[in-house]
C-alpha atoms as a PDB file:
ATOM      1  CA  MET A   1     128.666  97.104 112.301  1.00  0.00           C
ATOM      2  CA  ASN A   2     130.901  99.932 111.162  1.00  0.00           C
ATOM      3  CA  PRO A   3     133.457 101.915 113.130  1.00  0.00           C
ATOM      4  CA  GLU A   4     132.828 105.605 113.751  1.00  0.00           C
ATOM      5  CA  TYR A   5     135.788 107.969 113.995  1.00  0.00           C
ATOM      6  CA  THR A   6     136.379 111.532 115.115  1.00  0.00           C
ATOM      7  CA  TYR A   7     139.225 113.602 113.757  1.00  0.00           C
ATOM      8  CA  THR A   8     141.097 116.145 115.842  1.00  0.00           C
ATOM      9  CA  ASP A   9     144.057 117.977 114.366  1.00  0.00           C
ATOM     10  CA  GLY A  10     144.229 115.367 111.618  1.00  0.00           C
ATOM     11  CA  ILE A  11     144.408 112.480 114.076  1.00  0.00           C
ATOM     12  CA  GLN A  12     141.824 109.708 113.737  1.00  0.00           C
ATOM     13  CA  LYS A  13     140.332 108.346 116.955  1.00  0.00           C
ATOM     14  CA  LEU A  14     137.769 105.542 117.225  1.00  0.00           C
ATOM     15  CA  SER A  15     134.696 107.029 118.878  1.00  0.00           C
ATOM     16  CA  GLY A  16     132.301 104.086 118.667  1.00  0.00           C
ATOM     17  CA  GLN A  17     130.463 101.652 116.451  1.00  0.00           C
ATOM     18  CA  ARG A  18     127.403 102.161 114.282  1.00  0.00           C
ATOM     19  CA  ALA A  19     125.007  99.271 113.856  1.00  0.00           C
ATOM     20  CA  SER A  20     122.520  99.004 111.047  1.00  0.00           C
ATOM     21  CA  GLN A  21     119.789  96.545 110.268  1.00  0.00           C
ATOM     22  CA  ILE A  22     117.768  95.851 107.157  1.00  0.00           C
ATOM     23  CA  LEU A  23     114.071  95.225 107.587  1.00  0.00           C
ATOM     24  CA  SER A  24     111.871  93.776 104.892  1.00  0.00           C
ATOM     25  CA  VAL A  25     108.101  94.067 105.232  1.00  0.00           C
ATOM     26  CA  THR A  26     105.601  92.179 103.104  1.00  0.00           C
ATOM     27  CA  ILE A  27     101.999  93.312 103.124  1.00  0.00           C
ATOM     28  CA  LYS A  28      99.835  90.490 101.792  1.00  0.00           C
ATOM     29  CA  SER A  29      96.635  92.459 101.364  1.00  0.00           C
ATOM     30  CA  LEU A  30      95.789  96.139 101.243  1.00  0.00           C
ATOM     31  CA  SER A  31      92.322  96.559 102.669  1.00  0.00           C
ATOM     32  CA  ASN A  32      92.996 100.231 103.420  1.00  0.00           C
ATOM     33  CA  PRO A  33      94.656 102.350 100.693  1.00  0.00           C
ATOM     34  CA  ASN A  34      96.417 104.406 103.400  1.00  0.00           C
ATOM     35  CA  GLN A  35      98.032 101.345 104.991  1.00  0.00           C
ATOM     36  CA  ILE A  36     101.483 101.821 103.441  1.00  0.00           C
ATOM     37  CA  GLY A  37     101.519 105.568 104.056  1.00  0.00           C
ATOM     38  CA  ASN A  38     100.537 105.061 107.686  1.00  0.00           C
ATOM     39  CA  LEU A  39     103.305 102.470 108.123  1.00  0.00           C
ATOM     40  CA  ILE A  40     105.899 104.910 106.766  1.00  0.00           C
ATOM     41  CA  ILE A  41     104.586 107.712 109.007  1.00  0.00           C
ATOM     42  CA  ASP A  42     104.748 105.450 112.064  1.00  0.00           C
ATOM     43  CA  LEU A  43     108.291 104.331 111.225  1.00  0.00           C
ATOM     44  CA  SER A  44     109.446 107.930 110.761  1.00  0.00           C
ATOM     45  CA  LYS A  45     108.497 108.632 114.389  1.00  0.00           C
ATOM     46  CA  VAL A  46     111.137 106.166 115.675  1.00  0.00           C
ATOM     47  CA  ASN A  47     114.302 107.903 116.928  1.00  0.00           C
ATOM     48  CA  ASN A  48     117.413 107.503 114.764  1.00  0.00           C
ATOM     49  CA  ILE A  49     115.688 105.548 112.017  1.00  0.00           C
ATOM     50  CA  THR A  50     116.636 106.132 108.412  1.00  0.00           C
ATOM     51  CA  ILE A  51     114.500 104.824 105.576  1.00  0.00           C
ATOM     52  CA  ASN A  52     116.878 104.308 102.665  1.00  0.00           C
ATOM     53  CA  ARG A  53     114.790 102.513 100.101  1.00  0.00           C
ATOM     54  CA  LEU A  54     111.227 101.511  99.456  1.00  0.00           C
ATOM     55  CA  SER A  55     110.227  99.079  96.769  1.00  0.00           C
ATOM     56  CA  PHE A  56     106.795  97.967  95.739  1.00  0.00           C
ATOM     57  CA  ASP A  57     105.830  94.821  93.896  1.00  0.00           C
ATOM     58  CA  VAL A  58     102.827  92.617  93.269  1.00  0.00           C
ATOM     59  CA  SER A  59     102.764  88.880  93.843  1.00  0.00           C
ATOM     60  CA  ASN A  60     101.302  87.949  90.450  1.00  0.00           C
ATOM     61  CA  LYS A  61     102.579  90.130  87.631  1.00  0.00           C
ATOM     62  CA  THR A  62     101.532  87.918  84.703  1.00  0.00           C
ATOM     63  CA  ALA A  63      98.465  89.911  83.567  1.00  0.00           C
ATOM     64  CA  ALA A  64     100.155  93.288  84.033  1.00  0.00           C
ATOM     65  CA  GLU A  65     103.286  92.159  82.167  1.00  0.00           C
ATOM     66  CA  LYS A  66     101.184  90.822  79.277  1.00  0.00           C
ATOM     67  CA  GLN A  67      99.350  94.149  79.039  1.00  0.00           C
ATOM     68  CA  ALA A  68     102.622  96.098  79.286  1.00  0.00           C
ATOM     69  CA  ARG A  69     104.236  94.064  76.482  1.00  0.00           C
ATOM     70  CA  GLY A  70     101.250  94.773  74.219  1.00  0.00           C
ATOM     71  CA  ALA A  71     101.447  98.491  75.001  1.00  0.00           C
ATOM     72  CA  ALA A  72     105.230  98.505  74.445  1.00  0.00           C
ATOM     73  CA  VAL A  73     104.935  96.870  71.009  1.00  0.00           C
ATOM     74  CA  ALA A  74     102.127  99.250  70.004  1.00  0.00           C
ATOM     75  CA  ASP A  75     104.165 102.246  71.150  1.00  0.00           C
ATOM     76  CA  ALA A  76     107.291 101.033  69.328  1.00  0.00           C
ATOM     77  CA  ARG A  77     105.270 100.405  66.159  1.00  0.00           C
ATOM     78  CA  ASN A  78     103.728 103.915  66.333  1.00  0.00           C
ATOM     79  CA  LYS A  79     107.153 105.512  66.744  1.00  0.00           C
ATOM     80  CA  ALA A  80     108.645 103.422  63.944  1.00  0.00           C
ATOM     81  CA  THR A  81     105.733 104.321  61.664  1.00  0.00           C
ATOM     82  CA  GLN A  82     106.325 108.001  62.345  1.00  0.00           C
ATOM     83  CA  TYR A  83     110.064 107.683  61.625  1.00  0.00           C
ATOM     84  CA  ALA A  84     109.336 105.774  58.408  1.00  0.00           C
ATOM     85  CA  LYS A  85     106.898 108.447  57.209  1.00  0.00           C
ATOM     86  CA  LEU A  86     109.322 111.254  58.089  1.00  0.00           C
ATOM     87  CA  SER A  87     112.010 109.416  56.113  1.00  0.00           C
ATOM     88  CA  ASN A  88     109.728 108.728  53.141  1.00  0.00           C
ATOM     89  CA  ARG A  89     110.042 104.983  53.792  1.00  0.00           C
ATOM     90  CA  VAL A  90     107.613 102.117  54.279  1.00  0.00           C
ATOM     91  CA  LEU A  91     107.657 100.328  57.616  1.00  0.00           C
ATOM     92  CA  GLY A  92     108.568  96.663  57.317  1.00  0.00           C
ATOM     93  CA  SER A  93     107.982  93.783  59.693  1.00  0.00           C
ATOM     94  CA  ILE A  94     109.510  93.453  63.167  1.00  0.00           C
ATOM     95  CA  LYS A  95     112.940  91.786  62.909  1.00  0.00           C
ATOM     96  CA  SER A  96     113.708  91.365  66.626  1.00  0.00           C
ATOM     97  CA  VAL A  97     112.406  92.129  70.084  1.00  0.00           C
ATOM     98  CA  ALA A  98     114.522  92.425  73.246  1.00  0.00           C
ATOM     99  CA  ASP A  99     112.827  92.042  76.626  1.00  0.00           C
ATOM    100  CA  GLU A 100     115.243  93.483  79.164  1.00  0.00           C
ATOM    101  CA  ASN A 101     112.945  92.996  82.164  1.00  0.00           C
ATOM    102  CA  ASN A 102     113.457  89.242  82.441  1.00  0.00           C
END
């Protein structure tokens, strides 16, 4: 709950209260690829609703994270190799890795 004010001639007057509610929806299975889009369309038809944030996640990220780490190391190595060649240097071994997603 938050107060709502009106201002007349620089004078603040309480005009009411604004209530807000956070709703979290978990969809366990997507049998229809349009399911999320249809949910958002249906919600947008409700009077005075504001959708502030949507976030998407998967329940088991292990395989995707493993694949992403491999791609990240390969990409970093390719960039480092290019920088080494442009600097007339030889690329050495990896000295450290920082995983900022955990």
